[in-house]
Amino acid sequence: TLSSLGENNSFYGKIRSWGSIGFILAVVGLGLFFSKYSIQLLPFVMTLLLAMILISSFMVSDNKNTGSLIKDNSIKKILSNKNVLIFFLVCFLVQVAHGPYYTYFSIYLTEFGFSNSTIGILWACSVIPEIFMFVFMSNLQQRFSFKTILILSLSVNIVRWWMVALFGDSLVLLFISQLGHAFTFASFHAISVQWIRRTFTTGTQGQGQALYSALSFGFGGAVGALLSGYLWNLSHLYVWYFAAAVGLLATLLILFAFKEK
């Protein structure tokens, strides 16, 4: 996407926002759907959605610019940079902190008596501000530094998980905590993608993006889900305290170890 945008790479957030719109339609629509129909229909719904993704992928043409990229084999040199290693560690920790959220948030809410439709709406409430953040992200990038946006995103991370732990029975405060997704995910993700574009050279940007996805959403998400599973058996509150603590560690790394040029 960034390669196709060329000099207009700041529009990445606006394109990414369409994924968030799809997410809202899914959680609200399917939340209402499964309130009336059996959850056993879920595999069929997923198959239909995946088939639609497959069909739409054939409609995307190849980027003509990718064939003329100059290959630069300096990936090892880039990864030896302390700043790069700290950045990837922070990305990993952020997704570890989100592990309890993606794994147990819905289950946590059912214990307080919230219906499937209400839970679906709460999920949607996290994505609506996310869309606005993606749309206006280019404006924020022009006004604030990369490190400032990161610190703000990570700080909201800490507060958000504490709110979920302390006010799991309050629909209003849960709604407010869900608004934090605009920072804990959207601003963090958008600015991270831009940082990789600037840090990795032309021939290694694909590898940089792959490492970012694998270490954060892949490895970080898996570790977060696994550890929260053990903590869930001890106390349901421990998973949110754990998420807040991991978020604090990530914030301290950016504050004191990450050097912004």
C-alpha atoms as a PDB file:
ATOM      1  CA  THR A   1       0.000   0.000   0.000  1.00  0.00           C
ATOM      2  CA  LEU A   2       2.769   2.423   0.941  1.00  0.00           C
ATOM      3  CA  SER A   3       4.624   1.631  -2.267  1.00  0.00           C
ATOM      4  CA  SER A   4       1.497   2.297  -4.318  1.00  0.00           C
ATOM      5  CA  LEU A   5       0.883   5.591  -2.521  1.00  0.00           C
ATOM      6  CA  GLY A   6       4.408   6.841  -3.185  1.00  0.00           C
ATOM      7  CA  GLU A   7       4.776  10.394  -1.890  1.00  0.00           C
ATOM      8  CA  ASN A   8       1.161  10.336  -0.650  1.00  0.00           C
ATOM      9  CA  ASN A   9       2.021   7.752   2.021  1.00  0.00           C
ATOM     10  CA  SER A  10       0.322   9.834   4.734  1.00  0.00           C
ATOM     11  CA  PHE A  11      -2.996   8.606   3.287  1.00  0.00           C
ATOM     12  CA  TYR A  12      -2.256   5.101   4.595  1.00  0.00           C
ATOM     13  CA  GLY A  13      -4.508   5.685   7.607  1.00  0.00           C
ATOM     14  CA  LYS A  14      -7.489   6.620   5.450  1.00  0.00           C
ATOM     15  CA  ILE A  15      -7.141   3.382   3.472  1.00  0.00           C
ATOM     16  CA  ARG A  16      -6.676   1.318   6.632  1.00  0.00           C
ATOM     17  CA  SER A  17      -9.865   2.818   8.092  1.00  0.00           C
ATOM     18  CA  TRP A  18     -11.934   0.681   5.689  1.00  0.00           C
ATOM     19  CA  GLY A  19     -10.776  -2.404   7.574  1.00  0.00           C
ATOM     20  CA  SER A  20     -12.172  -0.820  10.728  1.00  0.00           C
ATOM     21  CA  ILE A  21     -15.500  -0.138   9.004  1.00  0.00           C
ATOM     22  CA  GLY A  22     -15.694  -3.807   8.041  1.00  0.00           C
ATOM     23  CA  PHE A  23     -14.963  -4.743  11.642  1.00  0.00           C
ATOM     24  CA  ILE A  24     -17.878  -2.649  12.907  1.00  0.00           C
ATOM     25  CA  LEU A  25     -20.281  -4.234  10.431  1.00  0.00           C
ATOM     26  CA  ALA A  26     -19.082  -7.665  11.532  1.00  0.00           C
ATOM     27  CA  VAL A  27     -19.292  -7.273  15.312  1.00  0.00           C
ATOM     28  CA  VAL A  28     -22.603  -5.392  15.355  1.00  0.00           C
ATOM     29  CA  GLY A  29     -24.265  -7.389  12.588  1.00  0.00           C
ATOM     30  CA  LEU A  30     -23.086 -10.796  13.767  1.00  0.00           C
ATOM     31  CA  GLY A  31     -23.782  -9.895  17.395  1.00  0.00           C
ATOM     32  CA  LEU A  32     -27.429  -9.330  16.495  1.00  0.00           C
ATOM     33  CA  PHE A  33     -27.446 -12.347  14.164  1.00  0.00           C
ATOM     34  CA  PHE A  34     -26.181 -14.788  16.805  1.00  0.00           C
ATOM     35  CA  SER A  35     -28.606 -13.412  19.362  1.00  0.00           C
ATOM     36  CA  LYS A  36     -31.347 -14.983  17.226  1.00  0.00           C
ATOM     37  CA  TYR A  37     -29.582 -17.889  15.513  1.00  0.00           C
ATOM     38  CA  SER A  38     -27.261 -20.673  16.633  1.00  0.00           C
ATOM     39  CA  ILE A  39     -23.561 -19.982  17.046  1.00  0.00           C
ATOM     40  CA  GLN A  40     -23.004 -23.233  15.120  1.00  0.00           C
ATOM     41  CA  LEU A  41     -23.584 -21.188  11.962  1.00  0.00           C
ATOM     42  CA  LEU A  42     -20.327 -19.290  12.627  1.00  0.00           C
ATOM     43  CA  PRO A  43     -18.115 -21.589  10.450  1.00  0.00           C
ATOM     44  CA  PHE A  44     -20.450 -21.049   7.499  1.00  0.00           C
ATOM     45  CA  VAL A  45     -20.421 -17.267   8.020  1.00  0.00           C
ATOM     46  CA  MET A  46     -16.613 -17.270   8.242  1.00  0.00           C
ATOM     47  CA  THR A  47     -16.359 -19.366   5.072  1.00  0.00           C
ATOM     48  CA  LEU A  48     -18.564 -16.892   3.221  1.00  0.00           C
ATOM     49  CA  LEU A  49     -16.495 -13.919   4.402  1.00  0.00           C
ATOM     50  CA  LEU A  50     -13.210 -15.620   3.477  1.00  0.00           C
ATOM     51  CA  ALA A  51     -14.596 -16.461   0.041  1.00  0.00           C
ATOM     52  CA  MET A  52     -15.490 -12.789  -0.463  1.00  0.00           C
ATOM     53  CA  ILE A  53     -11.944 -11.799   0.533  1.00  0.00           C
ATOM     54  CA  LEU A  54     -10.525 -14.287  -1.965  1.00  0.00           C
ATOM     55  CA  ILE A  55     -12.715 -12.981  -4.777  1.00  0.00           C
ATOM     56  CA  SER A  56     -11.898  -9.341  -4.018  1.00  0.00           C
ATOM     57  CA  SER A  57      -8.149 -10.082  -3.916  1.00  0.00           C
ATOM     58  CA  PHE A  58      -8.258 -11.011  -7.613  1.00  0.00           C
ATOM     59  CA  MET A  59      -9.584  -7.529  -8.332  1.00  0.00           C
ATOM     60  CA  VAL A  60      -6.455  -5.846  -6.951  1.00  0.00           C
ATOM     61  CA  SER A  61      -3.901  -5.145  -9.675  1.00  0.00           C
ATOM     62  CA  ASP A  62      -0.156  -5.460  -9.129  1.00  0.00           C
ATOM     63  CA  ASN A  63       1.755  -2.322  -8.268  1.00  0.00           C
ATOM     64  CA  LYS A  64       3.818  -1.428 -11.329  1.00  0.00           C
ATOM     65  CA  ASN A  65       6.404   0.326  -9.186  1.00  0.00           C
ATOM     66  CA  THR A  66       7.480  -2.790  -7.293  1.00  0.00           C
ATOM     67  CA  GLY A  67       9.320  -4.233 -10.270  1.00  0.00           C
ATOM     68  CA  SER A  68      11.753  -1.341 -10.410  1.00  0.00           C
ATOM     69  CA  LEU A  69      12.714  -1.276  -6.739  1.00  0.00           C
ATOM     70  CA  ILE A  70      16.436  -1.268  -6.043  1.00  0.00           C
ATOM     71  CA  LYS A  71      17.270  -4.189  -3.812  1.00  0.00           C
ATOM     72  CA  ASP A  72      19.181  -3.212  -0.686  1.00  0.00           C
ATOM     73  CA  ASN A  73      20.514  -6.066   1.421  1.00  0.00           C
ATOM     74  CA  SER A  74      21.218  -3.953   4.507  1.00  0.00           C
ATOM     75  CA  ILE A  75      18.558  -5.629   6.657  1.00  0.00           C
ATOM     76  CA  LYS A  76      21.175  -6.979   9.100  1.00  0.00           C
ATOM     77  CA  LYS A  77      22.663  -3.520   9.526  1.00  0.00           C
ATOM     78  CA  ILE A  78      19.243  -2.029  10.239  1.00  0.00           C
ATOM     79  CA  LEU A  79      18.385  -4.710  12.778  1.00  0.00           C
ATOM     80  CA  SER A  80      21.674  -4.164  14.598  1.00  0.00           C
ATOM     81  CA  ASN A  81      20.521  -0.630  15.445  1.00  0.00           C
ATOM     82  CA  LYS A  82      19.530  -0.353  19.133  1.00  0.00           C
ATOM     83  CA  ASN A  83      16.601   1.914  18.309  1.00  0.00           C
ATOM     84  CA  VAL A  84      15.142  -0.626  15.899  1.00  0.00           C
ATOM     85  CA  LEU A  85      15.414  -3.445  18.440  1.00  0.00           C
ATOM     86  CA  ILE A  86      13.726  -1.330  21.122  1.00  0.00           C
ATOM     87  CA  PHE A  87      10.952  -0.394  18.700  1.00  0.00           C
ATOM     88  CA  PHE A  88      10.206  -4.033  17.847  1.00  0.00           C
ATOM     89  CA  LEU A  89      10.321  -4.977  21.541  1.00  0.00           C
ATOM     90  CA  VAL A  90       7.770  -2.237  22.298  1.00  0.00           C
ATOM     91  CA  CYS A  91       5.534  -3.454  19.440  1.00  0.00           C
ATOM     92  CA  PHE A  92       5.763  -6.966  20.887  1.00  0.00           C
ATOM     93  CA  LEU A  93       4.836  -5.744  24.383  1.00  0.00           C
ATOM     94  CA  VAL A  94       1.896  -3.688  23.132  1.00  0.00           C
ATOM     95  CA  GLN A  95       0.317  -6.762  21.571  1.00  0.00           C
ATOM     96  CA  VAL A  96       1.108  -8.871  24.642  1.00  0.00           C
ATOM     97  CA  ALA A  97      -0.889  -6.277  26.588  1.00  0.00           C
ATOM     98  CA  HIS A  98      -3.740  -6.636  24.081  1.00  0.00           C
ATOM     99  CA  GLY A  99      -3.718 -10.435  24.432  1.00  0.00           C
ATOM    100  CA  PRO A 100      -6.205 -10.479  27.345  1.00  0.00           C
ATOM    101  CA  TYR A 101      -8.437  -8.020  25.484  1.00  0.00           C
ATOM    102  CA  TYR A 102      -8.716 -10.019  22.277  1.00  0.00           C
ATOM    103  CA  THR A 103      -9.040 -13.321  24.150  1.00  0.00           C
ATOM    104  CA  TYR A 104     -11.138 -12.659  27.245  1.00  0.00           C
ATOM    105  CA  PHE A 105     -12.876  -9.294  26.945  1.00  0.00           C
ATOM    106  CA  SER A 106     -16.166 -10.732  25.649  1.00  0.00           C
ATOM    107  CA  ILE A 107     -16.113 -13.555  28.210  1.00  0.00           C
ATOM    108  CA  TYR A 108     -15.335 -11.032  30.937  1.00  0.00           C
ATOM    109  CA  LEU A 109     -18.365  -8.952  29.973  1.00  0.00           C
ATOM    110  CA  THR A 110     -20.733 -11.934  29.953  1.00  0.00           C
ATOM    111  CA  GLU A 111     -19.853 -12.523  33.606  1.00  0.00           C
ATOM    112  CA  PHE A 112     -21.351  -9.110  34.379  1.00  0.00           C
ATOM    113  CA  GLY A 113     -24.562 -10.032  32.564  1.00  0.00           C
ATOM    114  CA  PHE A 114     -24.068  -8.096  29.324  1.00  0.00           C
ATOM    115  CA  SER A 115     -25.912  -9.523  26.294  1.00  0.00           C
ATOM    116  CA  ASN A 116     -24.256 -10.562  23.030  1.00  0.00           C
ATOM    117  CA  SER A 117     -25.693  -7.550  21.230  1.00  0.00           C
ATOM    118  CA  THR A 118     -24.392  -5.157  23.919  1.00  0.00           C
ATOM    119  CA  ILE A 119     -20.958  -6.749  23.749  1.00  0.00           C
ATOM    120  CA  GLY A 120     -20.998  -6.377  19.967  1.00  0.00           C
ATOM    121  CA  ILE A 121     -21.891  -2.706  20.303  1.00  0.00           C
ATOM    122  CA  LEU A 122     -19.060  -2.194  22.812  1.00  0.00           C
ATOM    123  CA  TRP A 123     -16.619  -3.723  20.331  1.00  0.00           C
ATOM    124  CA  ALA A 124     -17.955  -1.381  17.663  1.00  0.00           C
ATOM    125  CA  CYS A 125     -17.493   1.561  20.036  1.00  0.00           C
ATOM    126  CA  SER A 126     -13.784   0.801  20.086  1.00  0.00           C
ATOM    127  CA  VAL A 127     -13.526   0.867  16.298  1.00  0.00           C
ATOM    128  CA  ILE A 128     -15.519   4.034  15.527  1.00  0.00           C
ATOM    129  CA  PRO A 129     -12.928   6.341  17.186  1.00  0.00           C
ATOM    130  CA  GLU A 130     -10.260   4.158  15.573  1.00  0.00           C
ATOM    131  CA  ILE A 131     -11.626   5.147  12.155  1.00  0.00           C
ATOM    132  CA  PHE A 132     -11.475   8.848  13.006  1.00  0.00           C
ATOM    133  CA  MET A 133      -7.914   8.418  14.253  1.00  0.00           C
ATOM    134  CA  PHE A 134      -6.854   6.735  11.013  1.00  0.00           C
ATOM    135  CA  VAL A 135      -8.528   9.458   8.935  1.00  0.00           C
ATOM    136  CA  PHE A 136      -6.887  12.346  10.810  1.00  0.00           C
ATOM    137  CA  MET A 137      -3.584  10.623  11.529  1.00  0.00           C
ATOM    138  CA  SER A 138      -1.763  12.541   8.798  1.00  0.00           C
ATOM    139  CA  ASN A 139      -2.650  15.806  10.568  1.00  0.00           C
ATOM    140  CA  LEU A 140      -1.298  14.518  13.888  1.00  0.00           C
ATOM    141  CA  GLN A 141       1.944  13.430  12.247  1.00  0.00           C
ATOM    142  CA  GLN A 142       2.511  16.953  11.000  1.00  0.00           C
ATOM    143  CA  ARG A 143       2.003  18.491  14.461  1.00  0.00           C
ATOM    144  CA  PHE A 144       3.595  15.973  16.828  1.00  0.00           C
ATOM    145  CA  SER A 145       6.773  13.917  16.816  1.00  0.00           C
ATOM    146  CA  PHE A 146       6.840  10.156  16.451  1.00  0.00           C
ATOM    147  CA  LYS A 147       7.937   9.689  20.065  1.00  0.00           C
ATOM    148  CA  THR A 148       5.195  11.981  21.402  1.00  0.00           C
ATOM    149  CA  ILE A 149       2.482  10.020  19.582  1.00  0.00           C
ATOM    150  CA  LEU A 150       3.963   6.748  20.829  1.00  0.00           C
ATOM    151  CA  ILE A 151       4.064   7.896  24.462  1.00  0.00           C
ATOM    152  CA  LEU A 152       0.470   9.128  24.274  1.00  0.00           C
ATOM    153  CA  SER A 153      -0.679   5.832  22.743  1.00  0.00           C
ATOM    154  CA  LEU A 154       1.131   3.769  25.365  1.00  0.00           C
ATOM    155  CA  SER A 155      -0.090   5.923  28.265  1.00  0.00           C
ATOM    156  CA  VAL A 156      -3.712   5.415  27.227  1.00  0.00           C
ATOM    157  CA  ASN A 157      -2.911   1.696  27.100  1.00  0.00           C
ATOM    158  CA  ILE A 158      -2.163   1.646  30.828  1.00  0.00           C
ATOM    159  CA  VAL A 159      -5.238   3.641  31.838  1.00  0.00           C
ATOM    160  CA  ARG A 160      -7.529   1.605  29.609  1.00  0.00           C
ATOM    161  CA  TRP A 161      -6.722  -1.787  31.127  1.00  0.00           C
ATOM    162  CA  TRP A 162      -6.989  -0.426  34.656  1.00  0.00           C
ATOM    163  CA  MET A 163     -10.469   0.870  33.826  1.00  0.00           C
ATOM    164  CA  VAL A 164     -11.555  -2.532  32.509  1.00  0.00           C
ATOM    165  CA  ALA A 165     -10.285  -4.179  35.705  1.00  0.00           C
ATOM    166  CA  LEU A 166     -11.902  -1.738  38.117  1.00  0.00           C
ATOM    167  CA  PHE A 167     -15.152  -0.907  36.320  1.00  0.00           C
ATOM    168  CA  GLY A 168     -16.164  -4.081  34.504  1.00  0.00           C
ATOM    169  CA  ASP A 169     -19.741  -3.672  35.699  1.00  0.00           C
ATOM    170  CA  SER A 170     -20.150  -0.080  34.458  1.00  0.00           C
ATOM    171  CA  LEU A 171     -21.398   0.209  30.889  1.00  0.00           C
ATOM    172  CA  VAL A 172     -20.561   3.931  30.755  1.00  0.00           C
ATOM    173  CA  LEU A 173     -16.956   3.509  31.911  1.00  0.00           C
ATOM    174  CA  LEU A 174     -16.464   0.478  29.679  1.00  0.00           C
ATOM    175  CA  PHE A 175     -17.644   2.628  26.792  1.00  0.00           C
ATOM    176  CA  ILE A 176     -15.067   5.292  27.711  1.00  0.00           C
ATOM    177  CA  SER A 177     -12.334   2.660  27.943  1.00  0.00           C
ATOM    178  CA  GLN A 178     -13.288   1.393  24.482  1.00  0.00           C
ATOM    179  CA  LEU A 179     -12.728   4.880  23.053  1.00  0.00           C
ATOM    180  CA  GLY A 180      -9.089   4.425  24.037  1.00  0.00           C
ATOM    181  CA  HIS A 181      -8.678   1.969  21.155  1.00  0.00           C
ATOM    182  CA  ALA A 182      -8.121   5.003  18.941  1.00  0.00           C
ATOM    183  CA  PHE A 183      -4.783   5.403  20.728  1.00  0.00           C
ATOM    184  CA  THR A 184      -3.839   1.920  21.921  1.00  0.00           C
ATOM    185  CA  PHE A 185      -4.249   0.508  18.408  1.00  0.00           C
ATOM    186  CA  ALA A 186      -4.952   3.053  15.658  1.00  0.00           C
ATOM    187  CA  SER A 187      -2.417   5.808  16.372  1.00  0.00           C
ATOM    188  CA  PHE A 188       0.198   3.271  17.475  1.00  0.00           C
ATOM    189  CA  HIS A 189      -0.249   1.135  14.367  1.00  0.00           C
ATOM    190  CA  ALA A 190      -0.379   4.026  11.891  1.00  0.00           C
ATOM    191  CA  ILE A 191       2.716   5.741  13.276  1.00  0.00           C
ATOM    192  CA  SER A 192       4.580   2.415  13.474  1.00  0.00           C
ATOM    193  CA  VAL A 193       3.930   1.700   9.798  1.00  0.00           C
ATOM    194  CA  GLN A 194       5.259   5.141   8.905  1.00  0.00           C
ATOM    195  CA  TRP A 195       8.327   4.650  11.102  1.00  0.00           C
ATOM    196  CA  ILE A 196       9.155   1.378   9.365  1.00  0.00           C
ATOM    197  CA  ARG A 197       8.829   3.106   6.001  1.00  0.00           C
ATOM    198  CA  ARG A 198      11.338   5.746   7.070  1.00  0.00           C
ATOM    199  CA  THR A 199      13.741   3.432   8.898  1.00  0.00           C
ATOM    200  CA  PHE A 200      13.968   0.537   6.459  1.00  0.00           C
ATOM    201  CA  THR A 201      15.517   1.108   3.042  1.00  0.00           C
ATOM    202  CA  THR A 202      13.598   0.616  -0.209  1.00  0.00           C
ATOM    203  CA  GLY A 203      14.578  -3.021  -0.690  1.00  0.00           C
ATOM    204  CA  THR A 204      13.975  -4.005   2.935  1.00  0.00           C
ATOM    205  CA  GLN A 205      10.654  -2.297   3.686  1.00  0.00           C
ATOM    206  CA  GLY A 206       8.737  -5.493   2.970  1.00  0.00           C
ATOM    207  CA  GLN A 207      10.914  -7.371   5.458  1.00  0.00           C
ATOM    208  CA  GLY A 208      10.434  -4.581   7.982  1.00  0.00           C
ATOM    209  CA  GLN A 209       6.651  -4.793   7.647  1.00  0.00           C
ATOM    210  CA  ALA A 210       6.786  -8.589   7.917  1.00  0.00           C
ATOM    211  CA  LEU A 211       8.855  -8.400  11.110  1.00  0.00           C
ATOM    212  CA  TYR A 212       6.485  -5.827  12.561  1.00  0.00           C
ATOM    213  CA  SER A 213       3.427  -8.002  11.890  1.00  0.00           C
ATOM    214  CA  ALA A 214       5.067 -11.240  13.014  1.00  0.00           C
ATOM    215  CA  LEU A 215       6.633  -9.929  16.223  1.00  0.00           C
ATOM    216  CA  SER A 216       3.651  -7.833  17.305  1.00  0.00           C
ATOM    217  CA  PHE A 217       0.306  -9.187  16.079  1.00  0.00           C
ATOM    218  CA  GLY A 218       1.650 -12.726  15.670  1.00  0.00           C
ATOM    219  CA  PHE A 219       4.132 -13.518  18.430  1.00  0.00           C
ATOM    220  CA  GLY A 220       3.041 -10.770  20.830  1.00  0.00           C
ATOM    221  CA  GLY A 221      -0.628 -11.610  20.494  1.00  0.00           C
ATOM    222  CA  ALA A 222       0.044 -15.321  21.004  1.00  0.00           C
ATOM    223  CA  VAL A 223       2.194 -14.770  24.105  1.00  0.00           C
ATOM    224  CA  GLY A 224      -0.384 -12.360  25.532  1.00  0.00           C
ATOM    225  CA  ALA A 225      -3.217 -14.823  24.994  1.00  0.00           C
ATOM    226  CA  LEU A 226      -1.213 -17.706  26.469  1.00  0.00           C
ATOM    227  CA  LEU A 227      -0.105 -15.860  29.611  1.00  0.00           C
ATOM    228  CA  SER A 228      -3.547 -14.358  30.176  1.00  0.00           C
ATOM    229  CA  GLY A 229      -4.958 -17.898  30.029  1.00  0.00           C
ATOM    230  CA  TYR A 230      -2.857 -18.910  33.036  1.00  0.00           C
ATOM    231  CA  LEU A 231      -3.714 -15.690  34.879  1.00  0.00           C
ATOM    232  CA  TRP A 232      -7.417 -16.089  34.095  1.00  0.00           C
ATOM    233  CA  ASN A 233      -7.455 -19.315  36.110  1.00  0.00           C
ATOM    234  CA  LEU A 234      -6.030 -17.451  39.122  1.00  0.00           C
ATOM    235  CA  SER A 235      -8.192 -14.335  38.948  1.00  0.00           C
ATOM    236  CA  HIS A 236     -10.051 -12.639  36.130  1.00  0.00           C
ATOM    237  CA  LEU A 237      -8.735  -9.295  37.336  1.00  0.00           C
ATOM    238  CA  TYR A 238      -5.114 -10.423  37.060  1.00  0.00           C
ATOM    239  CA  VAL A 239      -5.262 -10.428  33.251  1.00  0.00           C
ATOM    240  CA  TRP A 240      -6.043  -6.697  33.169  1.00  0.00           C
ATOM    241  CA  TYR A 241      -3.434  -5.826  35.800  1.00  0.00           C
ATOM    242  CA  PHE A 242      -0.964  -7.835  33.739  1.00  0.00           C
ATOM    243  CA  ALA A 243      -1.935  -5.917  30.581  1.00  0.00           C
ATOM    244  CA  ALA A 244      -1.491  -2.568  32.357  1.00  0.00           C
ATOM    245  CA  ALA A 245       1.913  -3.620  33.734  1.00  0.00           C
ATOM    246  CA  VAL A 246       3.143  -4.686  30.296  1.00  0.00           C
ATOM    247  CA  GLY A 247       1.888  -1.397  28.862  1.00  0.00           C
ATOM    248  CA  LEU A 248       3.825   0.471  31.561  1.00  0.00           C
ATOM    249  CA  LEU A 249       7.011  -1.420  30.666  1.00  0.00           C
ATOM    250  CA  ALA A 250       6.585  -0.491  26.989  1.00  0.00           C
ATOM    251  CA  THR A 251       6.066   3.163  27.949  1.00  0.00           C
ATOM    252  CA  LEU A 252       9.233   3.235  30.066  1.00  0.00           C
ATOM    253  CA  LEU A 253      11.245   1.747  27.200  1.00  0.00           C
ATOM    254  CA  ILE A 254      10.117   4.499  24.832  1.00  0.00           C
ATOM    255  CA  LEU A 255      10.673   7.215  27.441  1.00  0.00           C
ATOM    256  CA  PHE A 256      14.168   6.247  28.561  1.00  0.00           C
ATOM    257  CA  ALA A 257      15.692   3.867  26.005  1.00  0.00           C
ATOM    258  CA  PHE A 258      14.366   5.025  22.635  1.00  0.00           C
ATOM    259  CA  LYS A 259      16.358   7.861  21.070  1.00  0.00           C
ATOM    260  CA  GLU A 260      14.436   9.930  18.519  1.00  0.00           C
ATOM    261  CA  LYS A 261      16.447  11.663  15.809  1.00  0.00           C
END
